[in-house]
Every structure is written in C-alpha cells, then in structure tokens.
Amino acid sequence: MLRPSKKMLFAIEAVLDIAYNAGGEPVQSREITRRQGIPRRYLEQTLQQLVRNGILTGVRGPRGGYRLARERRRISVGEIVRVVRTLETAEDPYQDIPASDLGKQVIRPMWGDLQEEIMQRLDAITVDDLCMRAYRGGITSEVEKKLDFTI
C-alpha cells in the first residue's frame, strides 16, 4: 500500500491551515501547531522549504508568520508533495534492493506508473478544493470565529 509520510501529511495540513484560517493576516507557526498538533520540529523546516519553493511567503515581525504566495486555487497538492519529497532524505528504496528480471522489468515500472498516476491526481487537487471540502464538512475557521457583526 502506498502511504504518505508524516512530513508530507503535516505539510499539506499546514498549507491548508494557512489557507483556511489566514483571513488576510499571516498565520504564525505556533497557531498551526496548536490547531493541528503538528510537532514544531517538522513544521518549521517544512514551512521554510515551502517558502523557498514559492508556495508560501514568510512575513517578518512581531505579527509575522506565513501566508500563501499565490491564490489557493493556484496551488496544487502535487506541488506540496514534490517539495516534501525533496526534503525527505531517503533515497529511492528500489535502488538498493536486488531484483529479478521480473522485478526490474515488470514490477518496478508498474509501481512507477502508479506513482505517476497518483501525482497527476494530486496535481488536479488545489488548496481551494481542500478548503471547500473543509467548509462543507462544517469545520469552522478561526477567521469565522473572529468575525463579529454586532453593532
């Protein structure tokens, strides 16, 4: 079974958290940690890599944090996954494992094709799609909680 790494899931959650809870203000990493339960040791390194790759922008200062570098409909889950894959130090697990001709010529190419299909599907899913899913699922963003229309 294909399983995403913790770091990959944390990165997707962090970008989604920023998109869903920002409301025009930068989101601080401690807020993401509080809401999502993502360990800071994973989060800071991942957020910096997402900044370097143009998915997020860092805002300095006491009210600084992170915001999306582009509109959420222009950021795909596939982009986030690719950034995290470069962070993960594990080499291709198939290179070091001896294989028969069947493994080299049939199984590994099949596995590569499956991974490519998955990446194509992830490229078709935007951060906006995930935000809409969260909204339809009844998840309240902190922006909504802060809105007060009383006069």
N, C-alpha and C. Protein backbone atom coordinates (compact mmCIF):
# COMPACT_ATOMS: atom_id res chain seq x y z
N MET A 1 0.84 -1.19 0.00
CA MET A 1 0.00 0.00 0.00
C MET A 1 0.89 1.25 0.00
N LEU A 2 0.53 2.22 -0.80
CA LEU A 2 1.25 3.48 -0.83
C LEU A 2 0.83 4.31 0.38
N ARG A 3 1.82 4.76 1.13
CA ARG A 3 1.50 5.54 2.33
C ARG A 3 2.29 6.83 2.32
N PRO A 4 1.61 7.95 2.54
CA PRO A 4 2.35 9.22 2.63
C PRO A 4 3.12 9.29 3.94
N SER A 5 4.21 10.02 3.93
CA SER A 5 4.99 10.18 5.15
C SER A 5 4.31 11.18 6.09
N LYS A 6 4.71 11.17 7.34
CA LYS A 6 4.19 12.14 8.31
C LYS A 6 4.48 13.56 7.85
N LYS A 7 5.71 13.76 7.40
CA LYS A 7 6.12 15.10 6.96
C LYS A 7 5.25 15.59 5.81
N MET A 8 4.91 14.69 4.91
CA MET A 8 4.07 15.06 3.77
C MET A 8 2.68 15.46 4.24
N LEU A 9 2.09 14.66 5.11
CA LEU A 9 0.76 14.98 5.63
C LEU A 9 0.79 16.28 6.42
N PHE A 10 1.83 16.48 7.23
CA PHE A 10 1.95 17.72 8.01
C PHE A 10 2.06 18.93 7.10
N ALA A 11 2.80 18.81 6.01
CA ALA A 11 2.97 19.94 5.08
C ALA A 11 1.64 20.30 4.43
N ILE A 12 0.90 19.31 4.00
CA ILE A 12 -0.41 19.57 3.38
C ILE A 12 -1.35 20.20 4.40
N GLU A 13 -1.35 19.67 5.63
CA GLU A 13 -2.19 20.23 6.68
C GLU A 13 -1.81 21.68 7.00
N ALA A 14 -0.51 21.96 7.04
CA ALA A 14 -0.05 23.31 7.36
C ALA A 14 -0.48 24.31 6.29
N VAL A 15 -0.31 23.95 5.02
CA VAL A 15 -0.72 24.85 3.94
C VAL A 15 -2.24 25.04 3.97
N LEU A 16 -2.96 23.98 4.19
CA LEU A 16 -4.42 24.08 4.28
C LEU A 16 -4.82 24.94 5.47
N ASP A 17 -4.16 24.78 6.60
CA ASP A 17 -4.44 25.59 7.79
C ASP A 17 -4.24 27.07 7.48
N ILE A 18 -3.15 27.40 6.82
CA ILE A 18 -2.86 28.79 6.46
C ILE A 18 -3.95 29.32 5.52
N ALA A 19 -4.31 28.54 4.53
CA ALA A 19 -5.33 28.97 3.57
C ALA A 19 -6.69 29.14 4.24
N TYR A 20 -7.01 28.26 5.16
CA TYR A 20 -8.35 28.24 5.76
C TYR A 20 -8.50 29.21 6.93
N ASN A 21 -7.41 29.53 7.60
CA ASN A 21 -7.50 30.35 8.80
C ASN A 21 -6.85 31.72 8.71
N ALA A 22 -6.24 32.06 7.59
CA ALA A 22 -5.48 33.31 7.50
C ALA A 22 -6.36 34.55 7.56
N GLY A 23 -7.34 34.65 6.72
CA GLY A 23 -8.20 35.82 6.70
C GLY A 23 -7.44 37.12 6.43
N GLY A 24 -6.42 37.09 5.62
CA GLY A 24 -5.66 38.29 5.29
C GLY A 24 -4.48 38.56 6.20
N GLU A 25 -4.43 37.93 7.33
CA GLU A 25 -3.32 38.09 8.28
C GLU A 25 -2.37 36.91 8.16
N PRO A 26 -1.08 37.13 8.39
CA PRO A 26 -0.15 35.99 8.40
C PRO A 26 -0.50 35.02 9.54
N VAL A 27 -0.24 33.76 9.31
CA VAL A 27 -0.51 32.73 10.32
C VAL A 27 0.82 32.34 10.94
N GLN A 28 0.89 32.39 12.26
CA GLN A 28 2.13 32.03 12.95
C GLN A 28 2.21 30.52 13.12
N SER A 29 3.45 30.02 13.09
CA SER A 29 3.64 28.57 13.18
C SER A 29 3.09 28.01 14.49
N ARG A 30 3.16 28.77 15.56
CA ARG A 30 2.62 28.26 16.83
C ARG A 30 1.10 28.08 16.77
N GLU A 31 0.42 28.90 15.95
CA GLU A 31 -1.02 28.72 15.78
C GLU A 31 -1.31 27.42 15.03
N ILE A 32 -0.51 27.14 14.01
CA ILE A 32 -0.68 25.90 13.26
C ILE A 32 -0.42 24.71 14.18
N THR A 33 0.64 24.80 14.97
CA THR A 33 0.97 23.73 15.92
C THR A 33 -0.19 23.50 16.89
N ARG A 34 -0.75 24.57 17.40
CA ARG A 34 -1.87 24.47 18.35
C ARG A 34 -3.10 23.83 17.70
N ARG A 35 -3.45 24.30 16.51
CA ARG A 35 -4.67 23.80 15.86
C ARG A 35 -4.51 22.39 15.31
N GLN A 36 -3.37 22.09 14.71
CA GLN A 36 -3.20 20.82 14.00
C GLN A 36 -2.43 19.77 14.78
N GLY A 37 -1.77 20.18 15.86
CA GLY A 37 -1.00 19.22 16.64
C GLY A 37 0.25 18.74 15.92
N ILE A 38 0.77 19.56 15.01
CA ILE A 38 1.97 19.21 14.26
C ILE A 38 3.19 19.57 15.09
N PRO A 39 4.11 18.64 15.31
CA PRO A 39 5.32 18.95 16.07
C PRO A 39 6.13 20.06 15.41
N ARG A 40 6.60 21.00 16.20
CA ARG A 40 7.34 22.15 15.65
C ARG A 40 8.59 21.74 14.89
N ARG A 41 9.24 20.66 15.31
CA ARG A 41 10.48 20.26 14.62
C ARG A 41 10.22 19.91 13.16
N TYR A 42 9.04 19.37 12.88
CA TYR A 42 8.67 19.09 11.49
C TYR A 42 8.23 20.38 10.80
N LEU A 43 7.46 21.16 11.52
CA LEU A 43 6.78 22.28 10.91
C LEU A 43 7.71 23.37 10.40
N GLU A 44 8.62 23.85 11.23
CA GLU A 44 9.47 24.98 10.82
C GLU A 44 10.30 24.66 9.59
N GLN A 45 10.94 23.53 9.57
CA GLN A 45 11.75 23.14 8.43
C GLN A 45 10.89 23.04 7.16
N THR A 46 9.72 22.46 7.31
CA THR A 46 8.82 22.29 6.17
C THR A 46 8.31 23.62 5.68
N LEU A 47 7.92 24.51 6.59
CA LEU A 47 7.42 25.82 6.18
C LEU A 47 8.49 26.61 5.43
N GLN A 48 9.73 26.55 5.91
CA GLN A 48 10.81 27.25 5.22
C GLN A 48 11.04 26.70 3.82
N GLN A 49 10.94 25.40 3.66
CA GLN A 49 11.11 24.80 2.33
C GLN A 49 9.95 25.22 1.42
N LEU A 50 8.75 25.33 1.96
CA LEU A 50 7.60 25.77 1.17
C LEU A 50 7.76 27.23 0.75
N VAL A 51 8.40 28.04 1.60
CA VAL A 51 8.70 29.43 1.25
C VAL A 51 9.71 29.46 0.11
N ARG A 52 10.78 28.69 0.24
CA ARG A 52 11.83 28.67 -0.79
C ARG A 52 11.30 28.20 -2.15
N ASN A 53 10.24 27.42 -2.13
CA ASN A 53 9.69 26.89 -3.38
C ASN A 53 8.46 27.66 -3.87
N GLY A 54 8.19 28.82 -3.28
CA GLY A 54 7.15 29.70 -3.79
C GLY A 54 5.72 29.30 -3.49
N ILE A 55 5.51 28.44 -2.52
CA ILE A 55 4.15 28.08 -2.13
C ILE A 55 3.66 29.01 -1.02
N LEU A 56 4.57 29.34 -0.10
CA LEU A 56 4.25 30.27 0.99
C LEU A 56 5.19 31.47 0.92
N THR A 57 4.81 32.54 1.62
CA THR A 57 5.72 33.66 1.85
C THR A 57 5.82 33.85 3.35
N GLY A 58 7.02 34.17 3.80
CA GLY A 58 7.24 34.46 5.21
C GLY A 58 7.11 35.95 5.45
N VAL A 59 6.45 36.30 6.55
CA VAL A 59 6.27 37.70 6.93
C VAL A 59 7.00 37.89 8.25
N ARG A 60 7.97 38.80 8.26
CA ARG A 60 8.76 39.04 9.47
C ARG A 60 8.05 40.01 10.41
N GLY A 61 8.51 40.01 11.64
CA GLY A 61 8.00 40.95 12.61
C GLY A 61 7.15 40.29 13.68
N PRO A 62 6.76 41.08 14.69
CA PRO A 62 6.02 40.52 15.82
C PRO A 62 4.65 39.94 15.43
N ARG A 63 4.05 40.45 14.38
CA ARG A 63 2.77 39.92 13.93
C ARG A 63 2.95 39.14 12.63
N GLY A 64 4.17 38.68 12.41
CA GLY A 64 4.51 37.96 11.20
C GLY A 64 4.06 36.52 11.24
N GLY A 65 4.42 35.80 10.22
CA GLY A 65 4.04 34.40 10.10
C GLY A 65 4.16 33.98 8.66
N TYR A 66 3.18 33.23 8.21
CA TYR A 66 3.19 32.70 6.85
C TYR A 66 1.85 32.97 6.19
N ARG A 67 1.93 33.20 4.88
CA ARG A 67 0.72 33.30 4.07
C ARG A 67 0.99 32.62 2.74
N LEU A 68 -0.07 32.35 2.01
CA LEU A 68 0.08 31.73 0.71
C LEU A 68 0.78 32.69 -0.24
N ALA A 69 1.66 32.18 -1.06
CA ALA A 69 2.38 33.01 -2.03
C ALA A 69 1.50 33.30 -3.25
N ARG A 70 0.50 32.47 -3.46
CA ARG A 70 -0.42 32.63 -4.59
C ARG A 70 -1.83 32.35 -4.12
N GLU A 71 -2.79 32.60 -4.98
CA GLU A 71 -4.18 32.26 -4.66
C GLU A 71 -4.28 30.76 -4.39
N ARG A 72 -5.13 30.40 -3.46
CA ARG A 72 -5.22 28.99 -3.08
C ARG A 72 -5.71 28.11 -4.23
N ARG A 73 -6.38 28.66 -5.20
CA ARG A 73 -6.81 27.87 -6.36
C ARG A 73 -5.66 27.63 -7.32
N ARG A 74 -4.52 28.28 -7.09
CA ARG A 74 -3.35 28.12 -7.97
C ARG A 74 -2.23 27.30 -7.33
N ILE A 75 -2.53 26.68 -6.19
CA ILE A 75 -1.56 25.81 -5.52
C ILE A 75 -2.15 24.42 -5.47
N SER A 76 -1.42 23.45 -6.02
CA SER A 76 -1.93 22.07 -6.02
C SER A 76 -1.29 21.27 -4.89
N VAL A 77 -1.98 20.23 -4.51
CA VAL A 77 -1.45 19.31 -3.52
C VAL A 77 -0.19 18.64 -4.07
N GLY A 78 -0.16 18.40 -5.36
CA GLY A 78 1.01 17.80 -6.00
C GLY A 78 2.26 18.64 -5.80
N GLU A 79 2.13 19.96 -5.88
CA GLU A 79 3.29 20.84 -5.65
C GLU A 79 3.83 20.67 -4.24
N ILE A 80 2.94 20.62 -3.28
CA ILE A 80 3.35 20.47 -1.88
C ILE A 80 4.07 19.13 -1.69
N VAL A 81 3.51 18.09 -2.27
CA VAL A 81 4.10 16.75 -2.16
C VAL A 81 5.51 16.74 -2.76
N ARG A 82 5.69 17.37 -3.89
CA ARG A 82 7.02 17.41 -4.52
C ARG A 82 8.04 18.12 -3.63
N VAL A 83 7.63 19.21 -2.99
CA VAL A 83 8.54 19.94 -2.10
C VAL A 83 8.96 19.04 -0.94
N VAL A 84 8.02 18.35 -0.35
CA VAL A 84 8.34 17.49 0.79
C VAL A 84 9.22 16.32 0.36
N ARG A 85 8.98 15.80 -0.81
CA ARG A 85 9.81 14.69 -1.29
C ARG A 85 11.28 15.10 -1.38
N THR A 86 11.55 16.35 -1.74
CA THR A 86 12.94 16.80 -1.79
C THR A 86 13.53 16.93 -0.39
N LEU A 87 12.67 17.17 0.60
CA LEU A 87 13.13 17.27 1.99
C LEU A 87 13.50 15.92 2.58
N GLU A 88 12.77 14.92 2.18
CA GLU A 88 12.96 13.60 2.76
C GLU A 88 14.27 13.01 2.25
N THR A 89 15.08 12.59 3.16
CA THR A 89 16.43 12.15 2.81
C THR A 89 16.50 10.74 2.28
N ALA A 90 15.47 9.98 2.44
CA ALA A 90 15.50 8.58 1.98
C ALA A 90 15.66 8.53 0.47
N GLU A 91 16.57 7.74 0.03
CA GLU A 91 16.78 7.53 -1.40
C GLU A 91 15.67 6.62 -1.92
N ASP A 92 15.65 6.45 -3.20
CA ASP A 92 14.70 5.53 -3.81
C ASP A 92 14.90 4.14 -3.20
N PRO A 93 13.88 3.60 -2.52
CA PRO A 93 14.06 2.32 -1.83
C PRO A 93 14.30 1.16 -2.79
N TYR A 94 14.01 1.34 -4.05
CA TYR A 94 14.15 0.25 -5.00
C TYR A 94 15.55 0.13 -5.55
N GLN A 95 16.37 1.16 -5.41
CA GLN A 95 17.71 1.11 -5.97
C GLN A 95 18.61 0.11 -5.26
N ASP A 96 18.47 0.00 -3.96
CA ASP A 96 19.36 -0.84 -3.17
C ASP A 96 18.90 -2.29 -3.04
N ILE A 97 17.68 -2.56 -3.41
CA ILE A 97 17.14 -3.90 -3.26
C ILE A 97 17.42 -4.71 -4.52
N PRO A 98 18.06 -5.86 -4.36
CA PRO A 98 18.28 -6.70 -5.54
C PRO A 98 16.94 -7.16 -6.10
N ALA A 99 16.89 -7.31 -7.40
CA ALA A 99 15.63 -7.74 -8.02
C ALA A 99 15.91 -8.67 -9.19
N SER A 100 14.92 -9.51 -9.45
CA SER A 100 14.99 -10.41 -10.60
C SER A 100 14.61 -9.61 -11.85
N ASP A 101 14.68 -10.24 -12.98
CA ASP A 101 14.25 -9.58 -14.21
C ASP A 101 12.78 -9.19 -14.14
N LEU A 102 11.94 -10.05 -13.53
CA LEU A 102 10.53 -9.71 -13.37
C LEU A 102 10.36 -8.45 -12.52
N GLY A 103 11.13 -8.37 -11.46
CA GLY A 103 11.05 -7.19 -10.59
C GLY A 103 11.50 -5.93 -11.30
N LYS A 104 12.62 -6.01 -12.01
CA LYS A 104 13.18 -4.84 -12.69
C LYS A 104 12.35 -4.40 -13.89
N GLN A 105 11.85 -5.37 -14.65
CA GLN A 105 11.20 -5.04 -15.91
C GLN A 105 9.69 -4.98 -15.84
N VAL A 106 9.10 -5.52 -14.78
CA VAL A 106 7.63 -5.54 -14.70
C VAL A 106 7.13 -4.80 -13.46
N ILE A 107 7.58 -5.24 -12.28
CA ILE A 107 7.03 -4.70 -11.04
C ILE A 107 7.43 -3.25 -10.81
N ARG A 108 8.71 -2.93 -10.92
CA ARG A 108 9.16 -1.56 -10.68
C ARG A 108 8.58 -0.56 -11.67
N PRO A 109 8.52 -0.87 -12.95
CA PRO A 109 7.86 0.06 -13.88
C PRO A 109 6.37 0.24 -13.55
N MET A 110 5.70 -0.86 -13.14
CA MET A 110 4.29 -0.75 -12.76
C MET A 110 4.15 0.19 -11.57
N TRP A 111 5.04 0.04 -10.59
CA TRP A 111 5.00 0.89 -9.40
C TRP A 111 5.26 2.35 -9.77
N GLY A 112 6.18 2.58 -10.67
CA GLY A 112 6.46 3.94 -11.14
C GLY A 112 5.25 4.55 -11.84
N ASP A 113 4.56 3.73 -12.65
CA ASP A 113 3.34 4.21 -13.33
C ASP A 113 2.27 4.59 -12.32
N LEU A 114 2.10 3.78 -11.29
CA LEU A 114 1.12 4.09 -10.25
C LEU A 114 1.46 5.39 -9.54
N GLN A 115 2.72 5.59 -9.22
CA GLN A 115 3.13 6.82 -8.56
C GLN A 115 2.87 8.03 -9.46
N GLU A 116 3.10 7.88 -10.75
CA GLU A 116 2.84 8.98 -11.69
C GLU A 116 1.35 9.29 -11.76
N GLU A 117 0.51 8.26 -11.76
CA GLU A 117 -0.95 8.47 -11.76
C GLU A 117 -1.39 9.20 -10.50
N ILE A 118 -0.82 8.81 -9.37
CA ILE A 118 -1.17 9.48 -8.11
C ILE A 118 -0.76 10.95 -8.16
N MET A 119 0.43 11.25 -8.68
CA MET A 119 0.88 12.63 -8.76
C MET A 119 -0.01 13.44 -9.70
N GLN A 120 -0.47 12.85 -10.78
CA GLN A 120 -1.38 13.55 -11.68
C GLN A 120 -2.69 13.89 -10.97
N ARG A 121 -3.18 12.97 -10.17
CA ARG A 121 -4.41 13.23 -9.41
C ARG A 121 -4.18 14.31 -8.37
N LEU A 122 -3.02 14.27 -7.69
CA LEU A 122 -2.71 15.30 -6.69
C LEU A 122 -2.52 16.67 -7.33
N ASP A 123 -2.00 16.70 -8.54
CA ASP A 123 -1.86 17.96 -9.27
C ASP A 123 -3.22 18.58 -9.61
N ALA A 124 -4.24 17.74 -9.72
CA ALA A 124 -5.58 18.22 -10.06
C ALA A 124 -6.35 18.73 -8.84
N ILE A 125 -5.83 18.48 -7.64
CA ILE A 125 -6.50 18.93 -6.41
C ILE A 125 -5.80 20.20 -5.92
N THR A 126 -6.57 21.26 -5.77
CA THR A 126 -6.00 22.53 -5.30
C THR A 126 -6.26 22.72 -3.82
N VAL A 127 -5.53 23.65 -3.25
CA VAL A 127 -5.75 24.01 -1.85
C VAL A 127 -7.17 24.56 -1.68
N ASP A 128 -7.65 25.25 -2.69
CA ASP A 128 -9.03 25.75 -2.66
C ASP A 128 -10.03 24.59 -2.57
N ASP A 129 -9.78 23.51 -3.32
CA ASP A 129 -10.65 22.33 -3.25
C ASP A 129 -10.69 21.79 -1.82
N LEU A 130 -9.53 21.74 -1.16
CA LEU A 130 -9.48 21.25 0.22
C LEU A 130 -10.20 22.19 1.17
N CYS A 131 -10.06 23.49 0.95
CA CYS A 131 -10.77 24.48 1.79
C CYS A 131 -12.28 24.31 1.65
N MET A 132 -12.74 24.12 0.42
CA MET A 132 -14.17 23.93 0.20
C MET A 132 -14.66 22.64 0.85
N ARG A 133 -13.83 21.62 0.83
CA ARG A 133 -14.17 20.36 1.49
C ARG A 133 -14.30 20.56 3.01
N ALA A 134 -13.38 21.33 3.56
CA ALA A 134 -13.43 21.62 5.00
C ALA A 134 -14.68 22.43 5.34
N TYR A 135 -14.99 23.40 4.51
CA TYR A 135 -16.18 24.23 4.72
C TYR A 135 -17.45 23.38 4.67
N ARG A 136 -17.55 22.53 3.64
CA ARG A 136 -18.72 21.65 3.51
C ARG A 136 -18.78 20.65 4.66
N GLY A 137 -17.62 20.30 5.21
CA GLY A 137 -17.59 19.37 6.33
C GLY A 137 -17.94 20.01 7.67
N GLY A 138 -18.20 21.32 7.64
CA GLY A 138 -18.61 22.02 8.86
C GLY A 138 -17.46 22.43 9.76
N ILE A 139 -16.25 22.44 9.25
CA ILE A 139 -15.10 22.86 10.04
C ILE A 139 -15.06 24.38 10.05
N THR A 140 -15.12 24.95 11.23
CA THR A 140 -15.13 26.40 11.37
C THR A 140 -13.71 26.92 11.36
N SER A 141 -13.46 27.92 10.53
CA SER A 141 -12.13 28.53 10.51
C SER A 141 -12.06 29.58 11.62
N GLU A 142 -10.86 29.87 12.06
CA GLU A 142 -10.71 30.87 13.12
C GLU A 142 -11.08 32.25 12.63
N VAL A 143 -11.03 32.47 11.33
CA VAL A 143 -11.46 33.76 10.77
C VAL A 143 -12.94 33.95 11.04
N GLU A 144 -13.73 32.90 10.84
CA GLU A 144 -15.17 32.99 11.09
C GLU A 144 -15.45 33.26 12.56
N LYS A 145 -14.67 32.67 13.45
CA LYS A 145 -14.86 32.87 14.88
C LYS A 145 -14.59 34.30 15.28
N LYS A 146 -13.65 34.97 14.57
CA LYS A 146 -13.26 36.32 14.92
C LYS A 146 -14.23 37.37 14.39
N LEU A 147 -15.04 36.99 13.39
CA LEU A 147 -15.98 37.94 12.81
C LEU A 147 -17.08 38.26 13.81
N ASP A 148 -17.33 39.53 14.01
CA ASP A 148 -18.37 39.96 14.93
C ASP A 148 -19.14 41.08 14.25
N PHE A 149 -20.41 40.82 13.97
CA PHE A 149 -21.21 41.79 13.26
C PHE A 149 -22.14 42.57 14.19
N THR A 150 -21.94 42.52 15.49
CA THR A 150 -22.79 43.24 16.42
C THR A 150 -22.47 44.72 16.36
N ILE A 151 -23.51 45.52 16.52
CA ILE A 151 -23.33 46.98 16.48
C ILE A 151 -23.75 47.56 17.81
